[in-house]
């Protein structure tokens, strides 16, 4: 950003952006995600040495920040954006170091947040429209085997120290790799991916792509075999839950706050009771006398059902386009680049949950929502309305795209890699609630789908804290009373309280076990967004303007829960 004599000083934001630039050198996946023109043909070092290099950067940036904070004096930074950026940068870097110092990178086996999944995902974000684009893809594909070897080095070092992921996680990821290998008629995911190369590509490039993708698929197969034959025997006996000390580190990573876990667990149960009562009332409008499970099963057959993968992608695109047309100008003031968002189908072997990927900095790659089909060809819509308001519009897309649009005004850090799950997932869950408040959930079963999604997030709070800390099951659920949470009990609880398929819920349980503290960020984040709005509305009274508040809130950049409600209340 060019600074003039009239521009306020922005030393903290400049330091934060310098960090992003240096971090993108160490992690080319970040460069690709943001659309930065650097290291697009490379992959990060996933070995312990690579983590050490990242830790060194964190410490150097914290030292530079300390100098800036000292120069600001006791009163701190006068500029609010500088103040927020300084607090975010310090908390996020300290959180990253705490995760590293707990050696979590040496046992990072996850069905959604793991390094191999991130490596595969980056290819879906790369430009692929020209022969030159595919030459870059071929070069990066050629580095996949080395990256997976480095990842294995990290897990091997963890094993040497007696630090393993639980067997359940390793088995699930090995199964994912098998799914990747089964893609494209058994050719493998990377080989199947390269079939999208332009027809006019020279033979030399096609040969490079075939060799590189084949080697990448072979490396995935070898890693899966290693997990099963070498890693799993050593991991035997590793507990599923991580315990309170590691959980608190994870909770800070995902929430940006020191949490009172007893309060969080009790609050999760209170949300469970409240939402379940609302669901039972809603069921009476759909199938009087039925249970929520019976009503949801009824909607699976008698509600709107979309046939075909292409058809459901088009239907979700239509849903987002309609929401954008209705909300832009009436409830949100949006710049034109933000108004573009695409619905996509997730690649085979993805985790079960839908997800969102943000636009590049220049918006040449738009924001995208992704639906994992997991082999299905029929899609009931009743539980997709609220989900796509969460993933797309006005949820993740409006927040992340607005951040991208304001990256030069705030900082690239505050609007990208400084993100906090509770801030983003909290907004997306708030967005679902907002669409209910605005009357958008009028389609048959849509409001029950929203409440089912809300109940799922309350259940996440209960089982995530419960499984990792081995807490007793509350008497609110009679079948589990007197027992302590296990993954098996958590799955039974989930199946009893969700309209989602069992295989989806099994995937969710493994996800929670591999990312302690992430699953609670949704409801805790929403709680902070609602508290901030209520405080701002109470302070302004009749002068409160919800559209203005939304745009001001979406223009703050990322915030942790230690700051979110207070900052929102000031707007």
Protein backbone atom coordinates (compact mmCIF):
# COMPACT_ATOMS: atom_id res chain seq x y z
CA UNK A 1 0.00 0.00 0.00
CA UNK A 2 1.39 3.41 -0.97
CA UNK A 3 1.57 5.73 2.00
CA UNK A 4 1.17 9.49 1.49
CA UNK A 5 1.89 12.29 3.92
CA UNK A 6 -1.82 12.29 4.81
CA UNK A 7 -2.00 8.52 5.39
CA UNK A 8 -1.88 7.26 8.98
CA UNK A 9 1.23 5.34 9.94
CA UNK A 10 0.71 1.59 9.73
CA UNK A 11 3.87 -0.06 11.06
CA UNK A 12 2.04 -3.02 12.58
CA UNK A 13 0.05 -3.77 9.45
CA UNK A 14 3.18 -3.43 7.35
CA UNK A 15 4.97 -5.88 9.67
CA UNK A 16 2.00 -8.26 9.46
CA UNK A 17 2.05 -8.12 5.67
CA UNK A 18 5.80 -8.69 5.65
CA UNK A 19 5.10 -11.81 7.69
CA UNK A 20 2.58 -13.03 5.09
CA UNK A 21 5.12 -12.51 2.33
CA UNK A 22 7.80 -14.44 4.20
CA UNK A 23 5.38 -17.14 5.26
CA UNK A 24 4.24 -17.64 1.67
CA UNK A 25 7.89 -18.31 0.77
CA UNK A 26 7.92 -21.11 3.35
CA UNK A 27 4.42 -22.33 2.48
CA UNK A 28 3.62 -22.07 -1.25
CA UNK A 29 0.13 -23.45 -0.53
CA UNK A 30 -0.62 -20.13 1.15
CA UNK A 31 0.69 -18.29 -1.91
CA UNK A 32 -1.68 -20.29 -4.11
CA UNK A 33 -4.64 -19.81 -1.79
CA UNK A 34 -4.15 -16.05 -1.84
CA UNK A 35 -3.24 -15.87 -5.51
CA UNK A 36 0.22 -14.45 -4.82
CA UNK A 37 2.58 -14.70 -7.80
CA UNK A 38 5.32 -16.71 -6.14
CA UNK A 39 6.44 -20.35 -5.81
CA UNK A 40 3.37 -21.66 -7.63
CA UNK A 41 5.29 -24.71 -8.85
CA UNK A 42 6.53 -25.66 -5.37
CA UNK A 43 5.23 -27.27 -2.19
CA UNK A 44 6.10 -26.61 1.46
CA UNK A 45 8.69 -28.56 3.41
CA UNK A 46 6.55 -30.88 5.55
CA UNK A 47 9.50 -32.29 7.51
CA UNK A 48 10.47 -31.27 11.06
CA UNK A 49 13.02 -28.90 9.52
CA UNK A 50 10.23 -27.14 7.65
CA UNK A 51 8.31 -26.64 10.86
CA UNK A 52 11.44 -25.29 12.53
CA UNK A 53 11.80 -22.70 9.76
CA UNK A 54 8.21 -21.58 10.29
CA UNK A 55 8.74 -21.39 14.06
CA UNK A 56 11.83 -19.23 13.52
CA UNK A 57 9.73 -16.85 11.44
CA UNK A 58 7.06 -16.67 14.15
CA UNK A 59 9.64 -15.78 16.78
CA UNK A 60 11.34 -13.18 14.60
CA UNK A 61 8.00 -11.54 13.82
CA UNK A 62 7.02 -11.49 17.50
CA UNK A 63 10.34 -9.81 18.32
CA UNK A 64 9.72 -7.16 15.66
CA UNK A 65 6.19 -6.64 16.98
CA UNK A 66 7.51 -6.17 20.52
CA UNK A 67 9.69 -3.30 19.30
CA UNK A 68 6.69 -1.64 17.65
CA UNK A 69 4.56 -2.10 20.76
CA UNK A 70 7.27 -0.55 22.91
CA UNK A 71 7.56 2.45 20.59
CA UNK A 72 3.80 3.01 20.83
CA UNK A 73 4.17 3.67 24.55
CA UNK A 74 1.83 2.87 27.44
CA UNK A 75 -1.23 4.24 25.61
CA UNK A 76 -0.77 1.77 22.79
CA UNK A 77 -1.70 2.33 19.16
CA UNK A 78 -4.04 5.23 18.49
CA UNK A 79 -5.26 3.79 15.19
CA UNK A 80 -7.92 1.12 15.79
CA UNK A 81 -6.84 -1.04 12.86
CA UNK A 82 -3.25 -0.96 14.13
CA UNK A 83 -4.43 -1.91 17.61
CA UNK A 84 -6.54 -4.80 16.35
CA UNK A 85 -3.82 -6.04 14.03
CA UNK A 86 -1.21 -5.98 16.81
CA UNK A 87 -3.40 -8.00 19.16
CA UNK A 88 -4.30 -10.49 16.43
CA UNK A 89 -0.72 -10.94 15.24
CA UNK A 90 0.64 -11.51 18.73
CA UNK A 91 -2.09 -13.93 19.76
CA UNK A 92 -2.00 -15.92 16.52
CA UNK A 93 1.78 -16.32 16.44
CA UNK A 94 1.91 -17.29 20.10
CA UNK A 95 -0.85 -19.80 19.45
CA UNK A 96 1.04 -21.29 16.50
CA UNK A 97 4.16 -21.63 18.59
CA UNK A 98 2.22 -23.31 21.38
CA UNK A 99 0.86 -25.87 18.91
CA UNK A 100 4.35 -26.52 17.55
CA UNK A 101 5.91 -26.76 21.01
CA UNK A 102 3.30 -29.41 21.84
CA UNK A 103 4.68 -31.37 18.84
CA UNK A 104 1.30 -31.52 17.14
CA UNK A 105 2.98 -31.43 13.70
CA UNK A 106 4.60 -34.76 14.54
CA UNK A 107 1.21 -36.49 14.85
CA UNK A 108 -0.86 -34.46 12.36
CA UNK A 109 -3.12 -37.18 10.96
CA UNK A 110 -6.51 -35.78 10.00
CA UNK A 111 -9.21 -36.53 7.46
CA UNK A 112 -9.72 -32.83 6.73
CA UNK A 113 -6.90 -30.69 8.19
CA UNK A 114 -3.93 -32.94 7.40
CA UNK A 115 -0.95 -31.94 5.21
CA UNK A 116 -1.70 -34.50 2.44
CA UNK A 117 -5.25 -33.15 2.15
CA UNK A 118 -3.89 -29.61 1.90
CA UNK A 119 -1.40 -30.65 -0.78
CA UNK A 120 -4.13 -32.24 -2.89
CA UNK A 121 -6.47 -29.30 -2.33
CA UNK A 122 -4.01 -26.76 -3.71
CA UNK A 123 -4.30 -28.23 -7.22
CA UNK A 124 -8.01 -27.36 -7.25
CA UNK A 125 -7.12 -23.71 -6.62
CA UNK A 126 -4.46 -23.37 -9.32
CA UNK A 127 -5.16 -21.67 -12.67
CA UNK A 128 -5.77 -24.36 -15.28
CA UNK A 129 -6.93 -22.52 -18.39
CA UNK A 130 -3.79 -22.50 -20.53
CA UNK A 131 -0.89 -24.69 -21.56
CA UNK A 132 1.40 -22.52 -19.44
CA UNK A 133 -0.85 -23.09 -16.42
CA UNK A 134 -0.56 -26.84 -16.90
CA UNK A 135 3.20 -26.62 -17.15
CA UNK A 136 3.19 -25.09 -13.66
CA UNK A 137 0.82 -27.82 -12.47
CA UNK A 138 3.14 -30.48 -13.87
CA UNK A 139 6.11 -28.99 -12.04
CA UNK A 140 4.20 -28.93 -8.75
CA UNK A 141 2.89 -32.46 -9.29
CA UNK A 142 6.48 -33.58 -9.61
CA UNK A 143 7.12 -32.38 -6.07
CA UNK A 144 4.26 -34.32 -4.45
CA UNK A 145 6.36 -37.45 -3.71
CA UNK A 146 9.00 -35.38 -1.90
CA UNK A 147 6.35 -33.54 0.10
CA UNK A 148 4.72 -36.80 1.23
CA UNK A 149 8.14 -38.21 2.11
CA UNK A 150 8.76 -35.14 4.29
CA UNK A 151 5.37 -35.61 5.91
CA UNK A 152 6.29 -39.22 6.66
CA UNK A 153 9.54 -37.94 8.23
CA UNK A 154 7.48 -35.84 10.64
CA UNK A 155 5.27 -38.77 11.62
CA UNK A 156 8.32 -41.00 11.94
CA UNK A 157 9.96 -38.50 14.28
CA UNK A 158 6.76 -38.39 16.29
CA UNK A 159 6.76 -42.18 16.49
CA UNK A 160 10.39 -42.15 17.62
CA UNK A 161 9.33 -39.90 20.50
CA UNK A 162 6.26 -42.01 21.27
CA UNK A 163 3.89 -39.36 19.89
CA UNK A 164 1.21 -40.94 17.73
CA UNK A 165 -2.15 -40.02 16.33
CA UNK A 166 -4.86 -42.39 17.50
CA UNK A 167 -5.38 -45.53 15.38
CA UNK A 168 -8.88 -44.42 14.42
CA UNK A 169 -7.44 -41.35 12.68
CA UNK A 170 -4.71 -43.27 10.87
CA UNK A 171 -7.17 -45.93 9.68
CA UNK A 172 -9.55 -43.27 8.37
CA UNK A 173 -6.83 -41.42 6.48
CA UNK A 174 -5.48 -44.65 5.01
CA UNK A 175 -9.03 -45.31 3.82
CA UNK A 176 -9.15 -41.85 2.30
CA UNK A 177 -5.96 -42.56 0.38
CA UNK A 178 -7.54 -45.75 -0.94
CA UNK A 179 -10.51 -43.69 -2.14
CA UNK A 180 -8.12 -41.32 -3.89
CA UNK A 181 -6.50 -44.30 -5.60
CA UNK A 182 -9.86 -45.60 -6.78
CA UNK A 183 -10.64 -42.37 -8.64
CA UNK A 184 -10.72 -42.35 -12.43
CA UNK A 185 -11.36 -46.05 -12.81
CA UNK A 186 -8.48 -46.92 -10.54
CA UNK A 187 -5.94 -44.58 -12.15
CA UNK A 188 -5.66 -42.44 -9.04
CA UNK A 189 -6.81 -38.93 -8.22
CA UNK A 190 -3.77 -37.06 -9.52
CA UNK A 191 -3.78 -38.99 -12.80
CA UNK A 192 -7.51 -38.38 -13.20
CA UNK A 193 -6.99 -34.69 -12.43
CA UNK A 194 -4.54 -34.30 -15.31
CA UNK A 195 -7.14 -35.47 -17.84
CA UNK A 196 -8.31 -31.86 -17.71
CA UNK A 197 -5.19 -30.66 -19.54
CA UNK A 198 -5.87 -28.76 -22.78
CA UNK A 199 -6.29 -30.85 -25.90
CA UNK A 200 -3.69 -28.74 -27.70
CA UNK A 201 -1.01 -29.30 -25.05
CA UNK A 202 2.31 -30.43 -26.59
CA UNK A 203 3.22 -34.08 -26.24
CA UNK A 204 6.18 -33.19 -24.04
CA UNK A 205 3.86 -31.54 -21.49
CA UNK A 206 1.39 -34.43 -21.62
CA UNK A 207 4.28 -36.79 -20.99
CA UNK A 208 5.45 -34.69 -18.03
CA UNK A 209 1.93 -34.64 -16.59
CA UNK A 210 1.53 -38.40 -16.98
CA UNK A 211 4.86 -39.11 -15.29
CA UNK A 212 4.35 -36.60 -12.47
CA UNK A 213 0.76 -37.57 -11.71
CA UNK A 214 1.61 -41.28 -11.81
CA UNK A 215 4.45 -40.71 -9.35
CA UNK A 216 2.15 -38.64 -7.11
CA UNK A 217 -0.48 -41.39 -7.07
CA UNK A 218 2.21 -43.97 -6.32
CA UNK A 219 3.43 -41.82 -3.43
CA UNK A 220 -0.09 -41.62 -2.00
CA UNK A 221 -0.44 -45.40 -2.25
CA UNK A 222 2.93 -45.90 -0.55
CA UNK A 223 2.02 -43.51 2.26
CA UNK A 224 -1.27 -45.33 2.80
CA UNK A 225 0.52 -48.67 2.92
CA UNK A 226 3.05 -47.26 5.41
CA UNK A 227 0.27 -45.98 7.65
CA UNK A 228 -1.32 -49.43 7.76
CA UNK A 229 1.78 -51.64 8.03
CA UNK A 230 4.20 -49.50 10.05
CA UNK A 231 2.47 -46.59 11.71
CA UNK A 232 -0.68 -48.29 12.98
CA UNK A 233 1.08 -51.05 14.97
CA UNK A 234 3.04 -48.44 16.89
CA UNK A 235 -0.04 -46.29 17.41
CA UNK A 236 -1.91 -49.15 19.11
CA UNK A 237 -3.14 -48.04 22.52
CA UNK A 238 -2.95 -44.31 21.77
CA UNK A 239 -6.15 -42.81 23.25
CA UNK A 240 -8.65 -41.04 21.02
CA UNK A 241 -8.96 -38.01 23.29
CA UNK A 242 -6.01 -35.67 23.81
CA UNK A 243 -6.65 -34.64 27.43
CA UNK A 244 -7.16 -31.19 28.94
CA UNK A 245 -3.66 -29.74 28.41
CA UNK A 246 -3.51 -30.44 24.68
CA UNK A 247 -7.17 -29.57 24.29
CA UNK A 248 -6.65 -26.08 25.70
CA UNK A 249 -3.80 -25.51 23.25
CA UNK A 250 -6.04 -26.61 20.38
CA UNK A 251 -8.95 -24.56 21.67
CA UNK A 252 -6.83 -21.40 21.65
CA UNK A 253 -5.62 -22.20 18.15
CA UNK A 254 -9.15 -22.41 16.79
CA UNK A 255 -10.92 -19.87 19.03
CA UNK A 256 -8.37 -17.22 19.96
CA UNK A 257 -9.26 -17.35 23.64
CA UNK A 258 -8.53 -19.04 26.93
CA UNK A 259 -11.68 -21.03 27.61
CA UNK A 260 -13.40 -22.27 30.73
CA UNK A 261 -14.10 -25.79 29.50
CA UNK A 262 -16.59 -26.59 32.27
CA UNK A 263 -18.64 -23.53 31.30
CA UNK A 264 -18.39 -24.42 27.60
CA UNK A 265 -19.52 -28.00 28.21
CA UNK A 266 -22.49 -26.95 30.36
CA UNK A 267 -23.47 -24.26 27.86
CA UNK A 268 -23.37 -26.84 25.08
CA UNK A 269 -25.95 -28.90 26.95
CA UNK A 270 -28.17 -25.85 27.49
CA UNK A 271 -28.07 -25.13 23.75
CA UNK A 272 -28.89 -28.77 23.05
CA UNK A 273 -32.04 -28.61 25.20
CA UNK A 274 -33.16 -25.29 23.73
CA UNK A 275 -32.68 -26.27 20.09
CA UNK A 276 -34.24 -29.70 20.57
CA UNK A 277 -37.39 -28.04 21.95
CA UNK A 278 -37.51 -25.73 18.91
CA UNK A 279 -37.12 -28.72 16.60
CA UNK A 280 -39.99 -30.57 18.22
CA UNK A 281 -42.22 -27.52 17.73
CA UNK A 282 -41.16 -27.23 14.08
CA UNK A 283 -41.88 -30.92 13.48
CA UNK A 284 -45.51 -30.31 14.41
CA UNK A 285 -45.75 -28.04 11.37
CA UNK A 286 -44.42 -30.79 9.08
CA UNK A 287 -45.61 -34.15 10.42
CA UNK A 288 -47.75 -33.75 13.54
CA UNK A 289 -47.03 -36.30 16.23
CA UNK A 290 -43.73 -37.38 14.68
CA UNK A 291 -40.26 -37.26 16.19
CA UNK A 292 -37.61 -35.04 14.57
CA UNK A 293 -35.96 -38.15 13.11
CA UNK A 294 -39.24 -39.30 11.58
CA UNK A 295 -39.93 -35.86 10.13
CA UNK A 296 -36.48 -35.68 8.57
CA UNK A 297 -36.84 -39.14 7.08
CA UNK A 298 -40.20 -38.02 5.68
CA UNK A 299 -38.57 -34.99 4.05
CA UNK A 300 -35.86 -37.19 2.52
CA UNK A 301 -38.61 -38.83 0.45
CA UNK A 302 -41.45 -36.32 0.22
CA UNK A 303 -39.57 -33.02 0.19
CA UNK A 304 -37.65 -31.51 -2.70
CA UNK A 305 -35.05 -34.05 -3.90
CA UNK A 306 -32.53 -33.22 -6.61
CA UNK A 307 -31.48 -36.08 -8.90
CA UNK A 308 -27.93 -36.06 -10.20
CA UNK A 309 -24.60 -34.56 -9.20
CA UNK A 310 -24.62 -31.91 -11.92
CA UNK A 311 -28.18 -31.01 -11.05
CA UNK A 312 -27.46 -30.47 -7.37
CA UNK A 313 -24.47 -28.31 -8.21
CA UNK A 314 -26.73 -26.17 -10.42
CA UNK A 315 -29.40 -26.02 -7.72
CA UNK A 316 -26.89 -24.82 -5.12
CA UNK A 317 -25.59 -22.23 -7.57
CA UNK A 318 -29.15 -21.02 -8.08
CA UNK A 319 -29.66 -20.82 -4.32
CA UNK A 320 -26.58 -18.63 -3.86
CA UNK A 321 -27.40 -16.44 -6.85
CA UNK A 322 -30.90 -15.83 -5.49
CA UNK A 323 -29.56 -15.01 -2.03
CA UNK A 324 -27.00 -12.61 -3.48
CA UNK A 325 -29.64 -10.83 -5.57
CA UNK A 326 -31.93 -10.48 -2.56
CA UNK A 327 -29.33 -9.36 -0.02
CA UNK A 328 -27.03 -7.09 -2.04
CA UNK A 329 -28.13 -3.49 -1.61
CA UNK A 330 -30.85 -4.30 0.92
CA UNK A 331 -28.98 -5.94 3.79
CA UNK A 332 -25.36 -5.64 2.60
CA UNK A 333 -23.47 -3.09 0.49
CA UNK A 334 -21.23 -5.24 -1.69
CA UNK A 335 -18.58 -4.41 -4.25
CA UNK A 336 -19.08 -6.10 -7.63
CA UNK A 337 -16.22 -8.65 -7.30
CA UNK A 338 -17.82 -10.01 -4.15
CA UNK A 339 -21.04 -10.80 -5.99
CA UNK A 340 -19.50 -13.78 -7.82
CA UNK A 341 -19.42 -17.18 -6.10
CA UNK A 342 -19.34 -20.67 -7.61
CA UNK A 343 -20.83 -24.00 -6.49
CA UNK A 344 -18.52 -26.97 -7.05
CA UNK A 345 -18.50 -30.71 -6.31
CA UNK A 346 -15.74 -31.81 -3.94
CA UNK A 347 -13.25 -34.39 -5.24
CA UNK A 348 -13.63 -38.06 -4.25
CA UNK A 349 -12.05 -39.00 -0.95
CA UNK A 350 -12.89 -35.70 0.72
CA UNK A 351 -14.21 -35.56 4.27
CA UNK A 352 -17.98 -35.57 4.51
CA UNK A 353 -18.62 -31.93 5.40
CA UNK A 354 -19.22 -29.23 2.76
CA UNK A 355 -16.66 -26.44 2.73
CA UNK A 356 -15.68 -23.09 1.18
CA UNK A 357 -12.52 -21.80 -0.46
CA UNK A 358 -11.94 -18.06 -0.72
CA UNK A 359 -11.20 -15.98 -3.80
CA UNK A 360 -7.70 -15.02 -4.82
CA UNK A 361 -6.54 -11.54 -3.89
CA UNK A 362 -7.34 -10.21 -7.36
CA UNK A 363 -10.65 -12.13 -7.58
CA UNK A 364 -9.49 -13.89 -10.77
CA UNK A 365 -10.40 -17.08 -8.91
CA UNK A 366 -13.81 -16.60 -7.25
CA UNK A 367 -14.95 -17.90 -3.91
CA UNK A 368 -16.28 -21.46 -4.16
CA UNK A 369 -18.49 -23.78 -2.16
CA UNK A 370 -17.81 -27.52 -2.31
CA UNK A 371 -20.27 -30.39 -1.83
CA UNK A 372 -18.83 -33.87 -1.11
CA UNK A 373 -21.23 -36.37 -2.66
CA UNK A 374 -19.68 -39.55 -1.16
CA UNK A 375 -21.18 -41.63 -3.96
CA UNK A 376 -24.71 -40.26 -3.68
CA UNK A 377 -26.75 -39.22 -6.69
CA UNK A 378 -29.91 -38.04 -4.92
CA UNK A 379 -29.89 -34.98 -2.67
CA UNK A 380 -32.75 -33.90 -0.39
CA UNK A 381 -32.77 -30.11 -0.25
CA UNK A 382 -34.32 -29.58 3.17
CA UNK A 383 -30.94 -29.73 4.92
CA UNK A 384 -28.94 -27.94 2.19
CA UNK A 385 -30.64 -24.54 2.29
CA UNK A 386 -29.17 -23.49 5.61
CA UNK A 387 -25.85 -25.19 4.86
CA UNK A 388 -25.39 -23.15 1.68
CA UNK A 389 -26.33 -19.94 3.45
CA UNK A 390 -23.52 -20.91 5.84
CA UNK A 391 -20.92 -21.87 3.23
CA UNK A 392 -21.87 -19.32 0.59
CA UNK A 393 -24.16 -16.30 0.89
CA UNK A 394 -24.35 -14.57 3.34
CA UNK A 395 -21.96 -16.84 5.24
CA UNK A 396 -18.33 -17.60 4.49
CA UNK A 397 -18.33 -16.01 1.07
CA UNK A 398 -19.49 -12.56 2.13
CA UNK A 399 -17.04 -12.41 5.01
CA UNK A 400 -13.97 -13.84 3.28
CA UNK A 401 -14.58 -11.99 0.00
CA UNK A 402 -15.12 -8.70 1.87
CA UNK A 403 -11.84 -9.30 3.68
CA UNK A 404 -10.07 -9.91 0.39
CA UNK A 405 -11.56 -6.69 -0.96
CA UNK A 406 -10.29 -4.72 2.05
CA UNK A 407 -6.86 -6.37 2.28
CA UNK A 408 -5.02 -3.17 1.31
CA UNK A 409 -7.02 -1.03 3.73
CA UNK A 410 -6.54 -3.42 6.65
CA UNK A 411 -3.68 -5.83 6.05
CA UNK A 412 -3.27 -8.99 4.07
CA UNK A 413 -2.62 -10.75 7.37
CA UNK A 414 -5.88 -9.68 9.05
CA UNK A 415 -7.84 -10.73 5.99
CA UNK A 416 -6.23 -14.08 5.26
CA UNK A 417 -3.87 -16.28 7.27
CA UNK A 418 -4.53 -14.43 10.52
CA UNK A 419 -8.04 -15.84 10.48
CA UNK A 420 -9.59 -17.45 13.56
CA UNK A 421 -12.06 -20.30 13.10
CA UNK A 422 -14.45 -18.96 15.76
CA UNK A 423 -14.66 -15.60 14.00
CA UNK A 424 -15.34 -17.10 10.57
CA UNK A 425 -17.43 -20.09 11.58
CA UNK A 426 -19.25 -17.92 14.10
CA UNK A 427 -20.18 -15.47 11.35
CA UNK A 428 -21.33 -18.30 9.08
CA UNK A 429 -23.53 -19.72 11.82
CA UNK A 430 -24.83 -16.22 12.56
CA UNK A 431 -25.58 -15.92 8.82
CA UNK A 432 -27.80 -19.01 9.00
CA UNK A 433 -29.70 -17.45 11.89
CA UNK A 434 -29.97 -14.14 10.02
CA UNK A 435 -31.57 -15.88 7.03
CA UNK A 436 -34.10 -17.40 9.41
CA UNK A 437 -34.78 -13.97 10.89
CA UNK A 438 -35.22 -12.50 7.40
CA UNK A 439 -37.71 -15.20 6.38
CA UNK A 440 -35.59 -17.06 3.81
CA UNK A 441 -36.26 -20.51 5.31
CA UNK A 442 -39.81 -20.78 3.97
CA UNK A 443 -39.34 -23.82 1.70
CA UNK A 444 -40.84 -27.05 3.13
CA UNK A 445 -38.48 -28.46 5.72
CA UNK A 446 -35.89 -25.68 5.33
CA UNK A 447 -36.33 -24.38 8.86
CA UNK A 448 -36.11 -27.88 10.29
CA UNK A 449 -32.88 -28.26 8.33
CA UNK A 450 -31.59 -25.07 9.93
CA UNK A 451 -32.48 -26.31 13.41
CA UNK A 452 -30.92 -29.69 12.63
CA UNK A 453 -27.71 -27.87 11.67
CA UNK A 454 -27.90 -25.80 14.86
CA UNK A 455 -28.38 -28.95 16.92
CA UNK A 456 -25.38 -30.53 15.19
CA UNK A 457 -23.21 -27.56 16.28
CA UNK A 458 -24.47 -27.86 19.87
CA UNK A 459 -23.75 -31.59 19.80
CA UNK A 460 -20.25 -30.74 18.54
CA UNK A 461 -19.62 -28.69 21.67
CA UNK A 462 -20.77 -31.52 23.91
CA UNK A 463 -18.96 -34.40 22.25
CA UNK A 464 -15.77 -32.53 21.36
CA UNK A 465 -15.09 -31.42 24.92
CA UNK A 466 -16.58 -34.65 26.26
CA UNK A 467 -14.50 -37.06 24.17
CA UNK A 468 -11.19 -35.28 24.59
CA UNK A 469 -11.59 -34.83 28.36
CA UNK A 470 -13.47 -38.09 28.96
CA UNK A 471 -16.23 -36.22 30.78
CA UNK A 472 -19.37 -37.90 32.13
CA UNK A 473 -22.47 -37.82 29.95
CA UNK A 474 -25.13 -35.54 31.41
CA UNK A 475 -28.49 -36.96 32.47
CA UNK A 476 -30.13 -34.95 29.65
CA UNK A 477 -29.47 -37.97 27.41
CA UNK A 478 -30.77 -40.99 29.26
CA UNK A 479 -29.04 -43.74 27.19
CA UNK A 480 -25.62 -42.37 28.10
CA UNK A 481 -26.27 -41.39 31.70
CA UNK A 482 -23.57 -42.62 34.06
CA UNK A 483 -21.03 -43.25 31.28
CA UNK A 484 -18.05 -41.25 30.08
CA UNK A 485 -17.79 -40.06 26.50
CA UNK A 486 -16.10 -42.31 23.96
CA UNK A 487 -16.15 -41.97 20.16
CA UNK A 488 -18.62 -44.84 19.98
CA UNK A 489 -20.97 -43.22 22.47
CA UNK A 490 -20.58 -39.87 20.72
CA UNK A 491 -21.55 -41.47 17.40
CA UNK A 492 -24.65 -43.05 18.98
CA UNK A 493 -25.59 -39.65 20.43
CA UNK A 494 -25.08 -37.98 17.06
CA UNK A 495 -27.10 -40.59 15.18
CA UNK A 496 -29.96 -40.13 17.65
CA UNK A 497 -29.95 -36.36 17.14
CA UNK A 498 -29.20 -35.75 13.47
CA UNK A 499 -30.82 -36.15 10.10
CA UNK A 500 -27.46 -36.80 8.46
CA UNK A 501 -26.31 -40.24 7.28
CA UNK A 502 -24.26 -42.39 9.63
CA UNK A 503 -21.17 -42.33 7.39
CA UNK A 504 -21.23 -38.53 7.47
CA UNK A 505 -21.36 -38.58 11.27
CA UNK A 506 -18.56 -41.15 11.48
CA UNK A 507 -16.40 -38.80 9.39
CA UNK A 508 -17.34 -35.94 11.72
CA UNK A 509 -16.26 -37.83 14.84
CA UNK A 510 -12.83 -38.54 13.35
CA UNK A 511 -12.55 -34.90 12.33
CA UNK A 512 -13.19 -33.74 15.90
CA UNK A 513 -10.68 -36.17 17.32
CA UNK A 514 -7.96 -34.91 14.96
CA UNK A 515 -8.58 -31.19 15.62
CA UNK A 516 -9.35 -30.66 19.31
CA UNK A 517 -11.17 -27.40 19.92
CA UNK A 518 -12.18 -26.76 16.30
CA UNK A 519 -15.68 -28.22 16.55
CA UNK A 520 -16.67 -25.88 19.38
CA UNK A 521 -15.65 -22.77 17.44
CA UNK A 522 -18.96 -22.61 15.54
CA UNK A 523 -21.34 -22.13 18.44
CA UNK A 524 -18.88 -20.18 20.56
CA UNK A 525 -18.24 -17.86 17.63
CA UNK A 526 -21.94 -17.40 16.98
CA UNK A 527 -22.45 -16.61 20.67
CA UNK A 528 -19.89 -13.80 20.42
CA UNK A 529 -21.40 -12.41 17.21
CA UNK A 530 -24.86 -12.35 18.77
CA UNK A 531 -23.56 -10.77 21.98
CA UNK A 532 -21.74 -8.09 19.99
CA UNK A 533 -24.82 -7.27 17.94
CA UNK A 534 -27.04 -7.13 21.02
CA UNK A 535 -24.61 -4.79 22.79
CA UNK A 536 -24.33 -2.49 19.77
CA UNK A 537 -28.09 -2.44 19.34
CA UNK A 538 -28.59 -1.71 23.02
CA UNK A 539 -26.12 1.16 22.91
CA UNK A 540 -27.59 2.79 19.78
CA UNK A 541 -31.26 2.07 20.39
CA UNK A 542 -33.48 3.46 17.63
CA UNK A 543 -30.42 4.64 15.71
CA UNK A 544 -29.12 1.09 15.23
CA UNK A 545 -28.81 0.25 11.51
CA UNK A 546 -28.40 -3.49 10.95
CA UNK A 547 -27.03 -3.16 7.40
CA UNK A 548 -24.46 -0.60 8.49
CA UNK A 549 -23.50 -2.79 11.45
CA UNK A 550 -23.07 -5.83 9.21
CA UNK A 551 -20.76 -3.99 6.84
CA UNK A 552 -18.73 -2.45 9.67
CA UNK A 553 -18.47 -5.86 11.33
CA UNK A 554 -17.33 -7.55 8.11
CA UNK A 555 -14.73 -4.81 7.66
CA UNK A 556 -12.88 -5.41 10.93
CA UNK A 557 -10.82 -8.33 9.67
CA UNK A 558 -10.15 -11.42 11.74
CA UNK A 559 -10.55 -11.36 15.53
CA UNK A 560 -10.19 -13.95 18.26
CA UNK A 561 -12.92 -14.54 20.82
CA UNK A 562 -10.92 -12.58 23.41
CA UNK A 563 -11.75 -9.46 21.35
CA UNK A 564 -14.68 -10.23 19.05
CA UNK A 565 -17.73 -9.29 21.13
CA UNK A 566 -16.14 -6.12 22.51
CA UNK A 567 -15.09 -4.91 19.05
CA UNK A 568 -18.54 -5.66 17.59
CA UNK A 569 -20.22 -3.83 20.46
CA UNK A 570 -18.34 -0.62 19.58
CA UNK A 571 -19.80 -0.46 16.07
